[in-house]
Amino acid sequence: MKILLVEDEPLILLDVELGLQQADHTVISVCNADRAISILRTQAVDLVLTDIDMPGSMDGLELAAAVRDGWPPVKIVLMSGKRRPADDELPPHARFIPKPFSQSQLLQTVGVW
C-alpha cells in the first residue's frame, strides 16, 4: 500500500515511517498539510495517515476533509495524542487511532482496507 504520512513531530514521523516500511508499505512522509496536498496533486496514494494537531494552514481534520472532497477513493486514518475527535468531525469512512500506539495497532488500523 502507498501511504502518505503527515506528522509534524520528527521522532514520531520517523518511528511510524519505519514501522510501515518494515510491513512492506511504501511511505511518503511530509510535515504539514500543505505539502500533503502538493503530493496528492502529483502522486497517487492509497491512504493518508495524518496527525490532527499540526501547524500550518490546516490541521489534520481539515486535511482529511480536503482529501475526502478532492480524492474520494483515498483512505484516511487520523491520529492524535491530545484529543479524540467526535464522530461528526471525522470525514465519512475515516478511521482514528489514539497515540501512543503499538506497531501492531498501527498495522491493524491501516490494514483494515
Protein backbone atom coordinates (compact mmCIF):
# COMPACT_ATOMS: atom_id res chain seq x y z
CA MET A 1 0.00 0.00 0.00
CA LYS A 2 1.27 3.52 -0.76
CA ILE A 3 0.80 5.69 2.33
CA LEU A 4 1.13 9.45 2.68
CA LEU A 5 2.23 10.12 6.27
CA VAL A 6 1.64 13.63 7.61
CA GLU A 7 3.25 14.30 11.00
CA ASP A 8 4.97 17.42 12.37
CA GLU A 9 6.92 15.70 15.17
CA PRO A 10 10.16 14.37 13.60
CA LEU A 11 10.64 11.43 16.00
CA ILE A 12 7.06 10.23 15.62
CA LEU A 13 7.29 10.67 11.84
CA LEU A 14 10.44 8.54 11.70
CA ASP A 15 9.06 5.86 14.03
CA VAL A 16 5.78 5.48 12.14
CA GLU A 17 7.51 5.64 8.76
CA LEU A 18 9.95 2.87 9.68
CA GLY A 19 7.17 0.70 11.12
CA LEU A 20 5.12 0.99 7.96
CA GLN A 21 8.14 0.34 5.73
CA GLN A 22 9.01 -2.78 7.73
CA ALA A 23 5.50 -4.02 6.93
CA ASP A 24 6.27 -3.54 3.20
CA HIS A 25 4.28 -0.34 2.72
CA THR A 26 5.62 2.46 0.53
CA VAL A 27 5.66 5.66 2.59
CA ILE A 28 5.86 9.29 1.55
CA SER A 29 6.46 11.46 4.63
CA VAL A 30 5.69 15.16 4.95
CA CYS A 31 5.49 17.51 7.92
CA ASN A 32 2.37 19.54 7.13
CA ALA A 33 -0.92 19.55 5.26
CA ASP A 34 0.24 21.94 2.53
CA ARG A 35 2.98 19.52 1.49
CA ALA A 36 0.49 16.65 1.67
CA ILE A 37 -1.85 18.42 -0.77
CA SER A 38 1.09 19.01 -3.12
CA ILE A 39 1.92 15.29 -3.06
CA LEU A 40 -1.72 14.32 -3.66
CA ARG A 41 -1.82 16.55 -6.72
CA THR A 42 1.14 14.76 -8.30
CA GLN A 43 1.10 11.19 -6.99
CA ALA A 44 -1.48 8.51 -6.39
CA VAL A 45 -1.65 7.21 -2.83
CA ASP A 46 -3.87 4.59 -1.23
CA LEU A 47 -4.05 6.03 2.28
CA VAL A 48 -3.38 9.29 4.12
CA LEU A 49 -2.25 8.83 7.73
CA THR A 50 -2.28 12.24 9.39
CA ASP A 51 -1.84 13.78 12.79
CA ILE A 52 -4.73 16.02 13.82
CA ASP A 53 -2.84 18.81 15.56
CA MET A 54 -0.35 20.38 13.15
CA PRO A 55 0.88 23.88 12.46
CA GLY A 56 0.23 25.49 9.12
CA SER A 57 -2.73 26.50 7.01
CA MET A 58 -4.83 23.48 8.01
CA ASP A 59 -4.92 20.84 10.72
CA GLY A 60 -5.38 17.12 10.17
CA LEU A 61 -9.18 17.26 10.27
CA GLU A 62 -9.20 19.96 7.59
CA LEU A 63 -6.71 17.94 5.56
CA ALA A 64 -8.90 14.85 5.88
CA ALA A 65 -11.92 16.81 4.66
CA ALA A 66 -9.89 18.11 1.69
CA VAL A 67 -8.75 14.58 0.87
CA ARG A 68 -12.30 13.27 1.03
CA ASP A 69 -13.51 16.08 -1.26
CA GLY A 70 -10.62 16.01 -3.75
CA TRP A 71 -9.56 12.38 -3.74
CA PRO A 72 -12.59 10.32 -2.62
CA PRO A 73 -11.03 6.86 -3.11
CA VAL A 74 -8.11 7.63 -0.77
CA LYS A 75 -8.47 6.04 2.65
CA ILE A 76 -7.93 8.25 5.70
CA VAL A 77 -6.59 7.49 9.18
CA LEU A 78 -6.26 10.31 11.70
CA MET A 79 -4.10 10.10 14.81
CA SER A 80 -3.68 12.22 17.92
CA GLY A 81 -2.29 12.01 21.40
CA LYS A 82 -4.07 15.16 22.53
CA ARG A 83 -7.71 14.61 21.70
CA ARG A 84 -10.19 12.21 20.22
CA PRO A 85 -12.37 13.79 17.54
CA ALA A 86 -16.12 13.48 17.75
CA ASP A 87 -17.67 11.15 15.20
CA ASP A 88 -19.19 14.09 13.33
CA GLU A 89 -15.73 15.69 12.97
CA LEU A 90 -14.39 12.73 11.00
CA PRO A 91 -14.97 12.56 7.26
CA PRO A 92 -17.05 9.60 6.05
CA HIS A 93 -15.21 6.29 6.25
CA ALA A 94 -12.21 7.77 8.07
CA ARG A 95 -10.64 5.96 10.99
CA PHE A 96 -8.94 7.24 14.15
CA ILE A 97 -6.03 5.81 16.15
CA PRO A 98 -5.00 7.36 19.50
CA LYS A 99 -1.32 7.99 20.24
CA PRO A 100 0.70 6.36 21.57
CA PHE A 101 0.02 3.19 19.63
CA SER A 102 1.90 -0.04 19.15
CA GLN A 103 3.21 -1.28 15.84
CA SER A 104 0.52 -3.95 15.77
CA GLN A 105 -2.24 -1.39 16.47
CA LEU A 106 -0.95 0.79 13.65
CA LEU A 107 -0.75 -2.07 11.17
CA GLN A 108 -4.19 -3.33 12.18
CA THR A 109 -5.69 0.15 11.63
CA VAL A 110 -4.10 0.76 8.22
CA GLY A 111 -4.69 -2.84 7.20
CA VAL A 112 -8.45 -2.71 7.66
CA TRP A 113 -8.83 -1.87 3.99
